[in-house]
Amino acid sequence: MKIDWKITHIDCTTVSHLMFSNLGRLTGNIRRCGKAVFGISRHSKTSLDIDVSSGDPSCSDAFAVAHVPKGTEDLSFVTTTSYSFLDGTRHVRCHFRLSKQQGLPELKRYLAAVLEEMLPGMESVEAELVINRIPELS
């Protein structure tokens, strides 16, 4: 898959989350418009929260990127477990770890693997990284 990267840095103090998104609708919209948007913010001092949405503003679906896709097992992640009161289950999330050894090139490699897994067979996609207050990713 050919990926055209676009990086945008923002300084935003609020973050919103969507509930009841539909993964099929999200991937369909990314395929139609040819663009995926990754929102990247700090989870902790050394780890990131990442969500993915479509470049189509009419599509409000978004999902957390919280797993380790094939081909990125050599990268470092911080694993957290939380309890969901909505469905009564525990959820495990893997957060990309920021370090001197892992920066923007490794983050792009990780997100490329996520896109390959989400959009099999897609030839090219524009990926916008919207980075919120993380100067290490400049």
C-alpha atoms as a PDB file:
ATOM      1  CA  MET A   1       0.000   0.000   0.000  1.00  0.00           C
ATOM      2  CA  LYS A   2       1.298   3.450  -0.927  1.00  0.00           C
ATOM      3  CA  ILE A   3       0.722   5.959   1.880  1.00  0.00           C
ATOM      4  CA  ASP A   4       0.903   9.719   1.430  1.00  0.00           C
ATOM      5  CA  TRP A   5       1.651  11.124   4.915  1.00  0.00           C
ATOM      6  CA  LYS A   6       0.436  14.537   6.036  1.00  0.00           C
ATOM      7  CA  ILE A   7       1.351  15.797   9.512  1.00  0.00           C
ATOM      8  CA  THR A   8      -0.575  18.490  11.360  1.00  0.00           C
ATOM      9  CA  HIS A   9       0.386  19.742  14.813  1.00  0.00           C
ATOM     10  CA  ILE A  10      -2.355  21.174  17.030  1.00  0.00           C
ATOM     11  CA  ASP A  11      -2.543  22.636  20.530  1.00  0.00           C
ATOM     12  CA  CYS A  12      -5.894  21.468  21.859  1.00  0.00           C
ATOM     13  CA  THR A  13      -6.893  20.994  25.494  1.00  0.00           C
ATOM     14  CA  THR A  14     -10.093  18.990  24.969  1.00  0.00           C
ATOM     15  CA  VAL A  15     -10.569  15.531  23.539  1.00  0.00           C
ATOM     16  CA  SER A  16     -13.889  13.947  22.597  1.00  0.00           C
ATOM     17  CA  HIS A  17     -14.761  10.302  22.136  1.00  0.00           C
ATOM     18  CA  LEU A  18     -17.541   8.738  20.102  1.00  0.00           C
ATOM     19  CA  MET A  19     -19.580   5.753  21.145  1.00  0.00           C
ATOM     20  CA  PHE A  20     -21.352   3.208  18.982  1.00  0.00           C
ATOM     21  CA  SER A  21     -19.174   3.624  15.914  1.00  0.00           C
ATOM     22  CA  ASN A  22     -19.381   1.120  13.092  1.00  0.00           C
ATOM     23  CA  LEU A  23     -16.089  -0.323  11.796  1.00  0.00           C
ATOM     24  CA  GLY A  24     -17.582  -1.408   8.457  1.00  0.00           C
ATOM     25  CA  ARG A  25     -18.942   2.074   7.838  1.00  0.00           C
ATOM     26  CA  LEU A  26     -15.586   3.621   8.840  1.00  0.00           C
ATOM     27  CA  THR A  27     -13.492   1.428   6.530  1.00  0.00           C
ATOM     28  CA  GLY A  28     -16.005   1.943   3.707  1.00  0.00           C
ATOM     29  CA  ASN A  29     -15.723   5.717   4.086  1.00  0.00           C
ATOM     30  CA  ILE A  30     -11.925   5.577   4.153  1.00  0.00           C
ATOM     31  CA  ARG A  31     -11.978   3.503   0.952  1.00  0.00           C
ATOM     32  CA  ARG A  32     -14.400   5.948  -0.733  1.00  0.00           C
ATOM     33  CA  CYS A  33     -12.605   9.179   0.198  1.00  0.00           C
ATOM     34  CA  GLY A  34      -9.078   7.701   0.195  1.00  0.00           C
ATOM     35  CA  LYS A  35      -8.103   9.306   3.490  1.00  0.00           C
ATOM     36  CA  ALA A  36      -7.614   8.146   7.089  1.00  0.00           C
ATOM     37  CA  VAL A  37      -7.086  10.596   9.938  1.00  0.00           C
ATOM     38  CA  PHE A  38      -5.152   9.546  13.039  1.00  0.00           C
ATOM     39  CA  GLY A  39      -5.657  11.662  16.155  1.00  0.00           C
ATOM     40  CA  ILE A  40      -2.577  11.341  18.340  1.00  0.00           C
ATOM     41  CA  SER A  41      -2.365  12.580  21.927  1.00  0.00           C
ATOM     42  CA  ARG A  42      -0.535  11.615  25.087  1.00  0.00           C
ATOM     43  CA  HIS A  43      -1.753   8.709  27.155  1.00  0.00           C
ATOM     44  CA  SER A  44       1.131   9.193  29.584  1.00  0.00           C
ATOM     45  CA  LYS A  45       4.519  10.893  29.490  1.00  0.00           C
ATOM     46  CA  THR A  46       5.907   8.053  27.370  1.00  0.00           C
ATOM     47  CA  SER A  47       2.884   6.563  25.581  1.00  0.00           C
ATOM     48  CA  LEU A  48       0.257   7.651  23.060  1.00  0.00           C
ATOM     49  CA  ASP A  49      -3.502   7.458  22.615  1.00  0.00           C
ATOM     50  CA  ILE A  50      -4.310   7.032  18.925  1.00  0.00           C
ATOM     51  CA  ASP A  51      -7.680   6.997  17.218  1.00  0.00           C
ATOM     52  CA  VAL A  52      -8.547   6.582  13.563  1.00  0.00           C
ATOM     53  CA  SER A  53     -11.360   8.226  11.629  1.00  0.00           C
ATOM     54  CA  SER A  54     -12.254   8.875   8.007  1.00  0.00           C
ATOM     55  CA  GLY A  55     -11.191  11.917   6.030  1.00  0.00           C
ATOM     56  CA  ASP A  56     -14.880  12.304   5.086  1.00  0.00           C
ATOM     57  CA  PRO A  57     -16.317  14.914   7.502  1.00  0.00           C
ATOM     58  CA  SER A  58     -19.809  13.429   7.147  1.00  0.00           C
ATOM     59  CA  CYS A  59     -18.601  10.140   8.709  1.00  0.00           C
ATOM     60  CA  SER A  60     -18.513  10.419  12.497  1.00  0.00           C
ATOM     61  CA  ASP A  61     -17.162   6.917  13.160  1.00  0.00           C
ATOM     62  CA  ALA A  62     -13.847   6.635  15.010  1.00  0.00           C
ATOM     63  CA  PHE A  63     -11.991   3.831  16.736  1.00  0.00           C
ATOM     64  CA  ALA A  64      -9.064   3.575  19.135  1.00  0.00           C
ATOM     65  CA  VAL A  65      -5.932   2.061  17.659  1.00  0.00           C
ATOM     66  CA  ALA A  66      -5.139  -0.235  20.564  1.00  0.00           C
ATOM     67  CA  HIS A  67      -3.513  -3.401  19.275  1.00  0.00           C
ATOM     68  CA  VAL A  68      -0.219  -4.627  17.839  1.00  0.00           C
ATOM     69  CA  PRO A  69      -0.660  -5.592  14.180  1.00  0.00           C
ATOM     70  CA  LYS A  70       1.476  -8.216  12.468  1.00  0.00           C
ATOM     71  CA  GLY A  71       4.892  -6.858  11.545  1.00  0.00           C
ATOM     72  CA  THR A  72       5.175  -4.449  14.483  1.00  0.00           C
ATOM     73  CA  GLU A  73       5.889  -6.924  17.269  1.00  0.00           C
ATOM     74  CA  ASP A  74       9.449  -5.565  17.548  1.00  0.00           C
ATOM     75  CA  LEU A  75       8.162  -2.129  18.582  1.00  0.00           C
ATOM     76  CA  SER A  76       7.568  -1.210  22.215  1.00  0.00           C
ATOM     77  CA  PHE A  77       4.093  -0.663  23.672  1.00  0.00           C
ATOM     78  CA  VAL A  78       2.546   0.125  27.053  1.00  0.00           C
ATOM     79  CA  THR A  79      -0.330  -2.216  27.871  1.00  0.00           C
ATOM     80  CA  THR A  80      -3.264  -1.041  29.999  1.00  0.00           C
ATOM     81  CA  THR A  81      -6.393  -2.808  31.179  1.00  0.00           C
ATOM     82  CA  SER A  82      -9.645  -1.043  31.977  1.00  0.00           C
ATOM     83  CA  TYR A  83     -13.130  -2.059  32.993  1.00  0.00           C
ATOM     84  CA  SER A  84     -16.109  -1.003  30.868  1.00  0.00           C
ATOM     85  CA  PHE A  85     -19.296  -0.308  32.783  1.00  0.00           C
ATOM     86  CA  LEU A  86     -21.195  -0.369  29.479  1.00  0.00           C
ATOM     87  CA  ASP A  87     -20.594  -4.028  28.695  1.00  0.00           C
ATOM     88  CA  GLY A  88     -19.157  -5.326  31.984  1.00  0.00           C
ATOM     89  CA  THR A  89     -15.876  -6.552  30.494  1.00  0.00           C
ATOM     90  CA  ARG A  90     -12.202  -5.733  30.796  1.00  0.00           C
ATOM     91  CA  HIS A  91     -10.482  -4.190  27.787  1.00  0.00           C
ATOM     92  CA  VAL A  92      -6.767  -4.412  27.040  1.00  0.00           C
ATOM     93  CA  ARG A  93      -5.154  -1.598  25.056  1.00  0.00           C
ATOM     94  CA  CYS A  94      -1.635  -1.345  23.683  1.00  0.00           C
ATOM     95  CA  HIS A  95      -0.317   2.220  23.524  1.00  0.00           C
ATOM     96  CA  PHE A  96       2.626   3.081  21.276  1.00  0.00           C
ATOM     97  CA  ARG A  97       5.627   3.945  23.475  1.00  0.00           C
ATOM     98  CA  LEU A  98       7.598   7.141  22.797  1.00  0.00           C
ATOM     99  CA  SER A  99      11.314   6.860  23.476  1.00  0.00           C
ATOM    100  CA  LYS A 100      14.692   7.847  22.085  1.00  0.00           C
ATOM    101  CA  GLN A 101      14.530   4.660  19.983  1.00  0.00           C
ATOM    102  CA  GLN A 102      10.893   5.131  18.891  1.00  0.00           C
ATOM    103  CA  GLY A 103       9.750   8.349  17.303  1.00  0.00           C
ATOM    104  CA  LEU A 104       7.938   9.507  14.179  1.00  0.00           C
ATOM    105  CA  PRO A 105       9.475   6.975  11.719  1.00  0.00           C
ATOM    106  CA  GLU A 106       8.468   4.036  13.943  1.00  0.00           C
ATOM    107  CA  LEU A 107       5.021   5.536  14.548  1.00  0.00           C
ATOM    108  CA  LYS A 108       4.499   5.771  10.776  1.00  0.00           C
ATOM    109  CA  ARG A 109       5.596   2.144  10.393  1.00  0.00           C
ATOM    110  CA  TYR A 110       3.115   1.104  13.094  1.00  0.00           C
ATOM    111  CA  LEU A 111       0.233   3.071  11.544  1.00  0.00           C
ATOM    112  CA  ALA A 112       1.067   1.736   8.071  1.00  0.00           C
ATOM    113  CA  ALA A 113       0.644  -1.788   9.476  1.00  0.00           C
ATOM    114  CA  VAL A 114      -2.686  -0.745  11.027  1.00  0.00           C
ATOM    115  CA  LEU A 115      -3.874   0.589   7.646  1.00  0.00           C
ATOM    116  CA  GLU A 116      -2.738  -2.578   5.844  1.00  0.00           C
ATOM    117  CA  GLU A 117      -4.751  -4.635   8.314  1.00  0.00           C
ATOM    118  CA  MET A 118      -7.843  -2.389   8.169  1.00  0.00           C
ATOM    119  CA  LEU A 119      -7.881  -1.904   4.401  1.00  0.00           C
ATOM    120  CA  PRO A 120      -6.568  -5.059   2.712  1.00  0.00           C
ATOM    121  CA  GLY A 121      -6.135  -4.698  -1.028  1.00  0.00           C
ATOM    122  CA  MET A 122      -6.288  -0.899  -1.024  1.00  0.00           C
ATOM    123  CA  GLU A 123      -3.558   0.450  -3.311  1.00  0.00           C
ATOM    124  CA  SER A 124      -3.052   3.924  -1.857  1.00  0.00           C
ATOM    125  CA  VAL A 125      -4.341   6.101   0.939  1.00  0.00           C
ATOM    126  CA  GLU A 126      -3.657   9.540   2.376  1.00  0.00           C
ATOM    127  CA  ALA A 127      -2.914   9.355   6.098  1.00  0.00           C
ATOM    128  CA  GLU A 128      -3.138  12.539   8.130  1.00  0.00           C
ATOM    129  CA  LEU A 129      -1.505  12.515  11.544  1.00  0.00           C
ATOM    130  CA  VAL A 130      -3.095  15.142  13.792  1.00  0.00           C
ATOM    131  CA  ILE A 131      -0.566  15.389  16.616  1.00  0.00           C
ATOM    132  CA  ASN A 132      -1.741  17.158  19.764  1.00  0.00           C
ATOM    133  CA  ARG A 133       0.976  18.731  21.928  1.00  0.00           C
ATOM    134  CA  ILE A 134       3.748  16.191  21.321  1.00  0.00           C
ATOM    135  CA  PRO A 135       6.902  18.098  20.316  1.00  0.00           C
ATOM    136  CA  GLU A 136       8.943  14.850  20.211  1.00  0.00           C
ATOM    137  CA  LEU A 137       7.012  13.959  17.036  1.00  0.00           C
ATOM    138  CA  SER A 138       8.138  17.025  15.084  1.00  0.00           C
END
